[in-house]
Amino acid sequence: MRSDSDLGQMLMAALDVRPVANAVEASSSYGGTELRAAEQARAERRRAVVRELQNRFVDGPVLLVPSGGGGTFNAVGATPIPGAGTVYFSQYRQKGEWGTLEATNGVRISDDGRRWLPGPVRIEGANITGEGWTVTVAPGWTVRPGPRSGDYQIIRDSR
């Protein structure tokens, strides 16, 4: 072996592997056409799921919950939304100085740790609810309109 040795070529020689001239033709012996179709269908289903999550957790009205605190959740089934964060679907519990959050129908967590819950949002005193989630706002914190029309956010009360 030398510094200019081609490790790929060495491995092919050691295993007696010979490349095929036509990869598409060779894939037919492995069900390549069917496999490609199945993978394309899977990718389209995933794109549809991400579009739906984008509509619910990014484009539609949301409640913005501050970062910070501690909690529990399970990452099984979590789905990333490119550029927006990840949606977690398992039982989600979080407690911070801002209050408590319990969700069963999805929470988007952005890279900076903020959490986003889909609207519509119902506010009844310190309790805020939506489909599959409940937030109880701690004393010294309040709910105000968010940065976009229809959004809400939990912020420290400035009074």
Protein backbone atom coordinates (compact mmCIF):
# COMPACT_ATOMS: atom_id res chain seq x y z
CA MET A 1 0.00 0.00 0.00
CA ARG A 2 1.25 3.47 -0.92
CA SER A 3 -0.07 6.98 -0.36
CA ASP A 4 -1.48 7.00 -3.91
CA SER A 5 -3.17 3.58 -3.61
CA ASP A 6 -6.85 3.46 -4.58
CA LEU A 7 -8.55 1.74 -1.65
CA GLY A 8 -11.72 1.20 -3.67
CA GLN A 9 -9.81 -0.59 -6.40
CA MET A 10 -7.92 -2.65 -3.81
CA LEU A 11 -11.18 -3.73 -2.15
CA MET A 12 -12.77 -4.63 -5.49
CA ALA A 13 -9.74 -6.77 -6.35
CA ALA A 14 -9.70 -8.47 -2.95
CA LEU A 15 -13.42 -9.32 -3.17
CA ASP A 16 -13.32 -10.12 -6.90
CA VAL A 17 -15.96 -7.46 -7.64
CA ARG A 18 -16.44 -6.36 -11.23
CA PRO A 19 -18.54 -3.30 -12.04
CA VAL A 20 -21.40 -3.74 -14.48
CA ALA A 21 -21.66 -1.71 -17.66
CA ASN A 22 -25.33 -0.82 -17.17
CA ALA A 23 -26.45 -0.32 -13.55
CA VAL A 24 -30.16 0.02 -14.44
CA GLU A 25 -30.10 -3.29 -16.31
CA ALA A 26 -28.22 -4.96 -13.45
CA SER A 27 -30.71 -3.64 -10.90
CA SER A 28 -33.52 -5.59 -12.57
CA SER A 29 -32.20 -8.80 -11.02
CA TYR A 30 -32.77 -7.18 -7.60
CA GLY A 31 -36.23 -5.75 -8.33
CA GLY A 32 -34.72 -2.34 -8.99
CA THR A 33 -37.72 -0.92 -10.84
CA GLU A 34 -40.12 -1.91 -8.06
CA LEU A 35 -37.71 -0.73 -5.37
CA ARG A 36 -37.28 2.66 -7.07
CA ALA A 37 -41.08 3.04 -7.39
CA ALA A 38 -41.58 2.14 -3.71
CA GLU A 39 -38.91 4.63 -2.62
CA GLN A 40 -40.41 7.38 -4.79
CA ALA A 41 -43.86 6.71 -3.29
CA ARG A 42 -42.38 6.79 0.22
CA ALA A 43 -40.64 10.10 -0.53
CA GLU A 44 -43.89 11.61 -1.83
CA ARG A 45 -45.77 10.50 1.31
CA ARG A 46 -43.06 12.12 3.44
CA ARG A 47 -43.27 15.37 1.43
CA ALA A 48 -47.06 15.39 1.97
CA VAL A 49 -46.60 14.94 5.74
CA VAL A 50 -44.04 17.75 5.88
CA ARG A 51 -46.37 20.05 3.84
CA GLU A 52 -49.22 19.35 6.30
CA LEU A 53 -46.95 20.01 9.29
CA GLN A 54 -45.68 23.20 7.64
CA ASN A 55 -49.29 24.37 7.29
CA ARG A 56 -50.16 23.54 10.93
CA PHE A 57 -47.00 24.49 12.80
CA VAL A 58 -45.42 27.23 10.68
CA ASP A 59 -47.82 28.92 8.24
CA GLY A 60 -51.01 28.80 10.34
CA PRO A 61 -51.71 30.61 13.60
CA VAL A 62 -49.54 29.42 16.50
CA LEU A 63 -48.78 29.97 20.16
CA LEU A 64 -45.10 30.70 20.73
CA VAL A 65 -43.80 29.31 24.03
CA PRO A 66 -40.43 30.59 25.30
CA SER A 67 -37.39 28.34 25.53
CA GLY A 68 -36.03 27.21 28.85
CA GLY A 69 -37.06 24.82 31.55
CA GLY A 70 -37.03 21.07 31.62
CA GLY A 71 -39.33 18.37 30.46
CA THR A 72 -39.90 14.97 28.98
CA PHE A 73 -40.74 13.71 25.52
CA ASN A 74 -39.99 10.83 23.19
CA ALA A 75 -38.34 11.49 19.83
CA VAL A 76 -39.85 8.40 18.15
CA GLY A 77 -41.78 9.60 15.12
CA ALA A 78 -40.36 13.12 15.27
CA THR A 79 -40.49 14.86 11.90
CA PRO A 80 -38.15 17.67 10.83
CA ILE A 81 -39.52 20.63 8.89
CA PRO A 82 -36.56 22.00 6.92
CA GLY A 83 -35.62 25.46 8.17
CA ALA A 84 -38.31 25.48 10.90
CA GLY A 85 -37.43 22.84 13.50
CA THR A 86 -38.78 19.42 14.43
CA VAL A 87 -42.30 18.33 15.37
CA TYR A 88 -42.51 15.84 18.25
CA PHE A 89 -45.72 13.83 18.56
CA SER A 90 -45.37 11.72 21.69
CA GLN A 91 -46.58 12.80 25.11
CA TYR A 92 -44.74 16.08 25.66
CA ARG A 93 -44.36 17.83 29.03
CA GLN A 94 -42.36 20.97 29.72
CA LYS A 95 -42.06 23.25 32.72
CA GLY A 96 -40.24 26.56 32.82
CA GLU A 97 -40.36 29.89 34.57
CA TRP A 98 -43.04 30.86 32.02
CA GLY A 99 -45.39 28.01 33.11
CA THR A 100 -46.20 24.43 32.06
CA LEU A 101 -47.01 22.75 28.76
CA GLU A 102 -48.62 19.38 28.12
CA ALA A 103 -49.21 18.20 24.56
CA THR A 104 -50.27 15.00 22.85
CA ASN A 105 -50.81 16.17 19.27
CA GLY A 106 -47.47 17.70 18.35
CA VAL A 107 -45.05 20.42 19.41
CA ARG A 108 -42.63 22.12 17.04
CA ILE A 109 -39.27 22.91 18.60
CA SER A 110 -37.05 25.34 16.74
CA ASP A 111 -33.25 25.28 16.88
CA ASP A 112 -33.24 28.01 19.55
CA GLY A 113 -35.44 25.89 21.85
CA ARG A 114 -38.68 27.83 21.45
CA ARG A 115 -41.82 25.75 21.13
CA TRP A 116 -44.68 26.36 18.70
CA LEU A 117 -48.18 25.01 19.18
CA PRO A 118 -50.79 25.06 16.41
CA GLY A 119 -53.86 27.25 16.66
CA PRO A 120 -56.58 28.01 17.08
CA VAL A 121 -55.73 29.25 20.55
CA ARG A 122 -58.28 29.60 23.37
CA ILE A 123 -57.32 31.79 26.34
CA GLU A 124 -59.14 31.48 29.66
CA GLY A 125 -57.20 33.36 32.32
CA ALA A 126 -53.88 31.60 32.91
CA ASN A 127 -54.94 28.58 30.86
CA ILE A 128 -54.33 28.45 27.14
CA THR A 129 -55.59 25.52 25.11
CA GLY A 130 -55.57 24.24 21.58
CA GLU A 131 -56.16 20.93 19.84
CA GLY A 132 -54.18 18.38 21.85
CA TRP A 133 -52.33 20.79 24.13
CA THR A 134 -52.67 22.88 27.30
CA VAL A 135 -50.42 25.63 28.67
CA THR A 136 -50.73 27.14 32.12
CA VAL A 137 -48.99 30.51 32.30
CA ALA A 138 -47.01 31.21 35.49
CA PRO A 139 -47.52 34.38 37.54
CA GLY A 140 -45.46 37.24 36.12
CA TRP A 141 -46.02 36.03 32.56
CA THR A 142 -48.78 36.87 30.10
CA VAL A 143 -50.16 36.02 26.67
CA ARG A 144 -50.01 38.71 24.02
CA PRO A 145 -50.54 38.84 20.26
CA GLY A 146 -47.59 37.36 18.40
CA PRO A 147 -45.43 38.72 15.61
CA ARG A 148 -47.95 37.70 12.92
CA SER A 149 -51.67 38.32 12.79
CA GLY A 150 -53.47 35.43 14.53
CA ASP A 151 -50.40 34.31 16.50
CA TYR A 152 -49.96 34.53 20.26
CA GLN A 153 -46.86 34.47 22.43
CA ILE A 154 -46.08 34.01 26.09
CA ILE A 155 -43.95 36.88 27.40
CA ARG A 156 -42.82 38.19 30.76
CA ASP A 157 -45.44 40.62 32.11
CA SER A 158 -43.90 44.11 32.08
CA ARG A 159 -46.30 45.54 34.70
